[in-house]
Amino acid sequence: MSITVYGIPNCETVKKARGWLDGLGLRYRFHDYKKDGVDGARLRHWVEQRGWETILNRRGTTFRKLPELQRTDLDADKAVALMEANPSAIKRPVVEYSHEDGRGLLVGFDPQEWSTALGGSLT
């Protein structure tokens, strides 16, 4: 199984998610998108899979502090550009995974959803 967790290390939700993975002994790679960024192609892929409304964190401080002009009339292209320029506006964590049953993308931390996606009977 391959798991990559995208997020910010000091985010409480990311800490919970990483703790959950660690508790189950699941190996993963962590990508700090505040430090390392996230390229536009990857963001577009996430948006194609789950929709920009799911990937963009509109409730967070980063988004709310943006000028009104940047926060209005959003569509997929504008949202991707906004998230690429402001990685803290990406919902956390985002997890890309692959295993023998396929590939997937998880957004946010939901232990039940993660258990189902990452192996069914992990809890």
N, C-alpha and C. Protein backbone atom coordinates (compact mmCIF):
# COMPACT_ATOMS: atom_id res chain seq x y z
N MET A 1 0.84 -1.17 0.00
CA MET A 1 0.00 0.00 0.00
C MET A 1 0.89 1.23 0.00
N SER A 2 0.45 2.24 -0.74
CA SER A 2 1.15 3.51 -0.80
C SER A 2 0.20 4.60 -0.30
N ILE A 3 0.67 5.40 0.67
CA ILE A 3 -0.14 6.48 1.23
C ILE A 3 0.72 7.73 1.30
N THR A 4 0.20 8.83 0.76
CA THR A 4 0.84 10.13 0.90
C THR A 4 -0.15 11.06 1.56
N VAL A 5 0.26 11.64 2.67
CA VAL A 5 -0.56 12.59 3.42
C VAL A 5 -0.04 13.99 3.11
N TYR A 6 -0.93 14.84 2.60
CA TYR A 6 -0.62 16.23 2.32
C TYR A 6 -1.25 17.10 3.39
N GLY A 7 -0.46 18.01 3.95
CA GLY A 7 -1.01 18.86 4.98
C GLY A 7 0.04 19.78 5.56
N ILE A 8 -0.29 20.30 6.74
CA ILE A 8 0.59 21.19 7.49
C ILE A 8 0.82 20.53 8.84
N PRO A 9 2.09 20.36 9.25
CA PRO A 9 2.37 19.55 10.44
C PRO A 9 1.73 20.04 11.73
N ASN A 10 1.53 21.35 11.89
CA ASN A 10 0.98 21.84 13.15
C ASN A 10 -0.55 21.92 13.15
N CYS A 11 -1.20 21.50 12.07
CA CYS A 11 -2.66 21.48 12.01
C CYS A 11 -3.19 20.35 12.89
N GLU A 12 -4.14 20.65 13.76
CA GLU A 12 -4.68 19.66 14.69
C GLU A 12 -5.30 18.47 13.97
N THR A 13 -6.02 18.72 12.87
CA THR A 13 -6.65 17.62 12.13
C THR A 13 -5.59 16.73 11.49
N VAL A 14 -4.54 17.33 10.98
CA VAL A 14 -3.44 16.55 10.40
C VAL A 14 -2.76 15.73 11.50
N LYS A 15 -2.57 16.31 12.67
CA LYS A 15 -1.97 15.56 13.78
C LYS A 15 -2.83 14.35 14.15
N LYS A 16 -4.15 14.54 14.22
CA LYS A 16 -5.05 13.41 14.52
C LYS A 16 -4.94 12.33 13.45
N ALA A 17 -4.95 12.75 12.20
CA ALA A 17 -4.89 11.80 11.09
C ALA A 17 -3.57 11.02 11.11
N ARG A 18 -2.48 11.71 11.32
CA ARG A 18 -1.18 11.03 11.36
C ARG A 18 -1.09 10.10 12.57
N GLY A 19 -1.65 10.53 13.69
CA GLY A 19 -1.68 9.67 14.87
C GLY A 19 -2.50 8.42 14.63
N TRP A 20 -3.59 8.55 13.90
CA TRP A 20 -4.45 7.41 13.57
C TRP A 20 -3.67 6.42 12.70
N LEU A 21 -3.00 6.94 11.66
CA LEU A 21 -2.19 6.08 10.79
C LEU A 21 -1.07 5.41 11.58
N ASP A 22 -0.38 6.19 12.41
CA ASP A 22 0.71 5.63 13.23
C ASP A 22 0.19 4.54 14.16
N GLY A 23 -0.98 4.79 14.76
CA GLY A 23 -1.57 3.82 15.69
C GLY A 23 -1.89 2.49 15.04
N LEU A 24 -2.15 2.53 13.74
CA LEU A 24 -2.43 1.30 13.01
C LEU A 24 -1.18 0.71 12.37
N GLY A 25 -0.06 1.39 12.53
CA GLY A 25 1.19 0.90 11.95
C GLY A 25 1.24 1.05 10.44
N LEU A 26 0.45 1.99 9.91
CA LEU A 26 0.46 2.20 8.46
C LEU A 26 1.56 3.19 8.09
N ARG A 27 2.39 2.79 7.15
CA ARG A 27 3.47 3.65 6.68
C ARG A 27 2.91 4.63 5.67
N TYR A 28 3.40 5.86 5.72
CA TYR A 28 2.96 6.89 4.79
C TYR A 28 4.08 7.90 4.60
N ARG A 29 3.96 8.63 3.53
CA ARG A 29 4.87 9.74 3.26
C ARG A 29 4.11 11.01 3.59
N PHE A 30 4.75 11.97 4.27
CA PHE A 30 4.12 13.24 4.59
C PHE A 30 4.67 14.33 3.70
N HIS A 31 3.76 15.10 3.10
CA HIS A 31 4.14 16.22 2.24
C HIS A 31 3.59 17.50 2.88
N ASP A 32 4.48 18.34 3.35
CA ASP A 32 4.10 19.61 3.98
C ASP A 32 3.84 20.62 2.87
N TYR A 33 2.57 20.88 2.56
CA TYR A 33 2.32 21.77 1.44
C TYR A 33 2.44 23.23 1.78
N LYS A 34 2.68 23.57 3.01
CA LYS A 34 3.02 24.96 3.32
C LYS A 34 4.50 25.19 3.02
N LYS A 35 5.33 24.20 3.33
CA LYS A 35 6.77 24.31 3.09
C LYS A 35 7.14 23.94 1.65
N ASP A 36 6.56 22.84 1.14
CA ASP A 36 6.95 22.32 -0.17
C ASP A 36 5.98 22.70 -1.29
N GLY A 37 4.84 23.29 -0.96
CA GLY A 37 3.85 23.67 -1.98
C GLY A 37 3.16 22.46 -2.58
N VAL A 38 2.22 22.75 -3.44
CA VAL A 38 1.53 21.72 -4.21
C VAL A 38 1.40 22.27 -5.62
N ASP A 39 1.85 21.49 -6.60
CA ASP A 39 1.82 22.00 -7.97
C ASP A 39 0.40 22.04 -8.51
N GLY A 40 0.20 22.92 -9.47
CA GLY A 40 -1.11 23.13 -10.07
C GLY A 40 -1.70 21.87 -10.69
N ALA A 41 -0.87 21.04 -11.30
CA ALA A 41 -1.39 19.81 -11.93
C ALA A 41 -1.99 18.88 -10.89
N ARG A 42 -1.34 18.75 -9.75
CA ARG A 42 -1.87 17.89 -8.68
C ARG A 42 -3.17 18.48 -8.14
N LEU A 43 -3.20 19.78 -7.91
CA LEU A 43 -4.42 20.43 -7.44
C LEU A 43 -5.56 20.23 -8.43
N ARG A 44 -5.28 20.39 -9.71
CA ARG A 44 -6.31 20.18 -10.75
C ARG A 44 -6.84 18.75 -10.71
N HIS A 45 -5.93 17.79 -10.51
CA HIS A 45 -6.34 16.39 -10.41
C HIS A 45 -7.28 16.19 -9.23
N TRP A 46 -6.91 16.75 -8.08
CA TRP A 46 -7.77 16.65 -6.89
C TRP A 46 -9.13 17.27 -7.16
N VAL A 47 -9.12 18.44 -7.79
CA VAL A 47 -10.38 19.14 -8.08
C VAL A 47 -11.23 18.33 -9.05
N GLU A 48 -10.60 17.71 -10.04
CA GLU A 48 -11.35 16.85 -10.98
C GLU A 48 -11.99 15.67 -10.26
N GLN A 49 -11.28 15.11 -9.27
CA GLN A 49 -11.80 13.96 -8.54
C GLN A 49 -12.88 14.32 -7.53
N ARG A 50 -12.69 15.41 -6.80
CA ARG A 50 -13.58 15.71 -5.68
C ARG A 50 -14.30 17.05 -5.75
N GLY A 51 -13.93 17.89 -6.74
CA GLY A 51 -14.56 19.20 -6.87
C GLY A 51 -13.82 20.26 -6.06
N TRP A 52 -13.73 21.45 -6.62
CA TRP A 52 -12.98 22.52 -5.93
C TRP A 52 -13.64 22.90 -4.61
N GLU A 53 -14.95 22.74 -4.53
CA GLU A 53 -15.67 23.09 -3.31
C GLU A 53 -15.23 22.22 -2.13
N THR A 54 -14.82 20.99 -2.42
CA THR A 54 -14.35 20.07 -1.37
C THR A 54 -12.89 20.35 -1.01
N ILE A 55 -12.07 20.68 -1.99
CA ILE A 55 -10.64 20.85 -1.77
C ILE A 55 -10.31 22.21 -1.15
N LEU A 56 -11.03 23.24 -1.51
CA LEU A 56 -10.77 24.58 -0.99
C LEU A 56 -11.38 24.74 0.40
N ASN A 57 -10.56 25.16 1.35
CA ASN A 57 -11.01 25.39 2.72
C ASN A 57 -11.50 26.83 2.85
N ARG A 58 -12.78 27.05 2.61
CA ARG A 58 -13.34 28.40 2.67
C ARG A 58 -13.64 28.85 4.10
N ARG A 59 -13.57 27.93 5.06
CA ARG A 59 -13.83 28.30 6.46
C ARG A 59 -12.57 28.73 7.20
N GLY A 60 -11.43 28.50 6.62
CA GLY A 60 -10.17 28.79 7.29
C GLY A 60 -9.79 30.26 7.26
N THR A 61 -8.88 30.61 8.14
CA THR A 61 -8.40 31.99 8.28
C THR A 61 -7.76 32.49 7.00
N THR A 62 -6.96 31.64 6.35
CA THR A 62 -6.25 32.07 5.14
C THR A 62 -7.24 32.55 4.09
N PHE A 63 -8.28 31.77 3.84
CA PHE A 63 -9.26 32.14 2.83
C PHE A 63 -10.01 33.41 3.24
N ARG A 64 -10.41 33.47 4.48
CA ARG A 64 -11.21 34.62 4.95
C ARG A 64 -10.42 35.91 4.94
N LYS A 65 -9.10 35.84 5.01
CA LYS A 65 -8.27 37.04 5.00
C LYS A 65 -7.94 37.53 3.58
N LEU A 66 -8.27 36.73 2.58
CA LEU A 66 -8.01 37.14 1.20
C LEU A 66 -8.92 38.31 0.82
N PRO A 67 -8.46 39.15 -0.10
CA PRO A 67 -9.32 40.24 -0.57
C PRO A 67 -10.63 39.68 -1.17
N GLU A 68 -11.69 40.42 -0.97
CA GLU A 68 -13.02 40.02 -1.46
C GLU A 68 -12.98 39.60 -2.93
N LEU A 69 -12.25 40.33 -3.74
CA LEU A 69 -12.18 40.04 -5.18
C LEU A 69 -11.68 38.62 -5.45
N GLN A 70 -10.75 38.14 -4.63
CA GLN A 70 -10.21 36.79 -4.81
C GLN A 70 -11.16 35.71 -4.30
N ARG A 71 -12.06 36.07 -3.40
CA ARG A 71 -12.96 35.08 -2.78
C ARG A 71 -14.30 34.94 -3.49
N THR A 72 -14.58 35.81 -4.44
CA THR A 72 -15.88 35.77 -5.10
C THR A 72 -15.77 35.25 -6.53
N ASP A 73 -16.90 34.82 -7.04
CA ASP A 73 -16.99 34.31 -8.42
C ASP A 73 -15.97 33.22 -8.70
N LEU A 74 -15.80 32.32 -7.76
CA LEU A 74 -14.84 31.24 -7.93
C LEU A 74 -15.38 30.17 -8.87
N ASP A 75 -14.45 29.58 -9.61
CA ASP A 75 -14.71 28.38 -10.39
C ASP A 75 -13.49 27.49 -10.20
N ALA A 76 -13.44 26.38 -10.87
CA ALA A 76 -12.34 25.43 -10.66
C ALA A 76 -10.97 26.06 -10.95
N ASP A 77 -10.85 26.77 -12.06
CA ASP A 77 -9.56 27.36 -12.41
C ASP A 77 -9.12 28.41 -11.41
N LYS A 78 -10.03 29.27 -10.99
CA LYS A 78 -9.69 30.30 -10.00
C LYS A 78 -9.35 29.67 -8.66
N ALA A 79 -10.08 28.65 -8.27
CA ALA A 79 -9.81 27.98 -7.00
C ALA A 79 -8.44 27.32 -7.01
N VAL A 80 -8.08 26.67 -8.10
CA VAL A 80 -6.76 26.03 -8.21
C VAL A 80 -5.67 27.08 -8.10
N ALA A 81 -5.81 28.19 -8.81
CA ALA A 81 -4.81 29.26 -8.77
C ALA A 81 -4.70 29.83 -7.35
N LEU A 82 -5.83 30.01 -6.70
CA LEU A 82 -5.85 30.53 -5.33
C LEU A 82 -5.13 29.57 -4.38
N MET A 83 -5.41 28.27 -4.49
CA MET A 83 -4.78 27.28 -3.61
C MET A 83 -3.30 27.13 -3.91
N GLU A 84 -2.92 27.24 -5.17
CA GLU A 84 -1.50 27.13 -5.52
C GLU A 84 -0.73 28.30 -4.91
N ALA A 85 -1.33 29.49 -4.92
CA ALA A 85 -0.69 30.68 -4.36
C ALA A 85 -0.77 30.71 -2.83
N ASN A 86 -1.78 30.04 -2.27
CA ASN A 86 -2.02 30.06 -0.82
C ASN A 86 -2.28 28.64 -0.33
N PRO A 87 -1.24 27.81 -0.20
CA PRO A 87 -1.44 26.40 0.17
C PRO A 87 -2.22 26.20 1.47
N SER A 88 -2.18 27.17 2.37
CA SER A 88 -2.94 27.03 3.61
C SER A 88 -4.45 27.06 3.38
N ALA A 89 -4.86 27.43 2.17
CA ALA A 89 -6.29 27.44 1.84
C ALA A 89 -6.78 26.08 1.34
N ILE A 90 -5.89 25.09 1.32
CA ILE A 90 -6.27 23.73 0.91
C ILE A 90 -6.77 23.01 2.16
N LYS A 91 -7.88 22.31 2.02
CA LYS A 91 -8.40 21.53 3.14
C LYS A 91 -7.36 20.52 3.59
N ARG A 92 -7.39 20.18 4.87
CA ARG A 92 -6.37 19.28 5.42
C ARG A 92 -7.03 18.16 6.22
N PRO A 93 -6.35 17.02 6.17
CA PRO A 93 -5.34 16.60 5.21
C PRO A 93 -6.00 16.13 3.90
N VAL A 94 -5.17 16.04 2.88
CA VAL A 94 -5.55 15.38 1.63
C VAL A 94 -4.66 14.15 1.55
N VAL A 95 -5.26 13.00 1.27
CA VAL A 95 -4.50 11.75 1.23
C VAL A 95 -4.70 11.07 -0.11
N GLU A 96 -3.59 10.79 -0.77
CA GLU A 96 -3.61 9.96 -1.98
C GLU A 96 -3.17 8.57 -1.54
N TYR A 97 -3.90 7.56 -1.99
CA TYR A 97 -3.51 6.20 -1.62
C TYR A 97 -3.73 5.27 -2.80
N SER A 98 -2.99 4.18 -2.76
CA SER A 98 -3.20 3.10 -3.73
C SER A 98 -2.90 1.78 -3.04
N HIS A 99 -3.68 0.78 -3.39
CA HIS A 99 -3.47 -0.59 -2.90
C HIS A 99 -4.05 -1.53 -3.94
N GLU A 100 -4.05 -2.81 -3.61
CA GLU A 100 -4.47 -3.81 -4.60
C GLU A 100 -5.89 -3.60 -5.11
N ASP A 101 -6.74 -2.92 -4.35
CA ASP A 101 -8.12 -2.68 -4.77
C ASP A 101 -8.29 -1.39 -5.56
N GLY A 102 -7.22 -0.63 -5.74
CA GLY A 102 -7.32 0.59 -6.52
C GLY A 102 -6.67 1.78 -5.86
N ARG A 103 -7.03 2.95 -6.38
CA ARG A 103 -6.47 4.21 -5.94
C ARG A 103 -7.59 5.09 -5.42
N GLY A 104 -7.23 6.07 -4.60
CA GLY A 104 -8.26 6.97 -4.12
C GLY A 104 -7.69 8.25 -3.53
N LEU A 105 -8.63 9.11 -3.14
CA LEU A 105 -8.31 10.40 -2.57
C LEU A 105 -9.24 10.65 -1.39
N LEU A 106 -8.66 10.95 -0.25
CA LEU A 106 -9.42 11.29 0.94
C LEU A 106 -9.18 12.76 1.26
N VAL A 107 -10.23 13.47 1.66
CA VAL A 107 -10.11 14.89 1.99
C VAL A 107 -10.71 15.10 3.37
N GLY A 108 -9.90 15.63 4.30
CA GLY A 108 -10.34 15.76 5.67
C GLY A 108 -10.14 14.43 6.39
N PHE A 109 -10.34 14.43 7.70
CA PHE A 109 -10.11 13.21 8.46
C PHE A 109 -11.42 12.68 9.02
N ASP A 110 -11.77 11.49 8.56
CA ASP A 110 -12.95 10.76 9.05
C ASP A 110 -12.49 9.31 9.25
N PRO A 111 -12.26 8.88 10.51
CA PRO A 111 -11.71 7.55 10.75
C PRO A 111 -12.50 6.43 10.08
N GLN A 112 -13.81 6.51 10.05
CA GLN A 112 -14.61 5.46 9.43
C GLN A 112 -14.37 5.41 7.92
N GLU A 113 -14.38 6.57 7.27
CA GLU A 113 -14.11 6.64 5.83
C GLU A 113 -12.70 6.15 5.52
N TRP A 114 -11.75 6.57 6.34
CA TRP A 114 -10.36 6.16 6.13
C TRP A 114 -10.21 4.66 6.29
N SER A 115 -10.84 4.09 7.31
CA SER A 115 -10.75 2.66 7.54
C SER A 115 -11.29 1.88 6.34
N THR A 116 -12.43 2.32 5.82
CA THR A 116 -13.02 1.66 4.65
C THR A 116 -12.11 1.78 3.44
N ALA A 117 -11.59 2.98 3.21
CA ALA A 117 -10.76 3.23 2.03
C ALA A 117 -9.40 2.54 2.10
N LEU A 118 -8.83 2.50 3.29
CA LEU A 118 -7.46 2.00 3.42
C LEU A 118 -7.37 0.53 3.81
N GLY A 119 -8.49 -0.16 3.88
CA GLY A 119 -8.36 -1.57 4.14
C GLY A 119 -9.55 -2.26 4.75
N GLY A 120 -10.62 -1.55 4.96
CA GLY A 120 -11.84 -2.18 5.41
C GLY A 120 -11.92 -2.45 6.89
N SER A 121 -11.08 -3.30 7.42
CA SER A 121 -11.21 -3.70 8.82
C SER A 121 -10.04 -3.23 9.65
N LEU A 122 -9.64 -1.98 9.45
CA LEU A 122 -8.47 -1.45 10.15
C LEU A 122 -8.75 -1.04 11.57
N THR A 123 -10.01 -0.75 11.91
CA THR A 123 -10.29 -0.22 13.25
C THR A 123 -10.26 -1.30 14.29
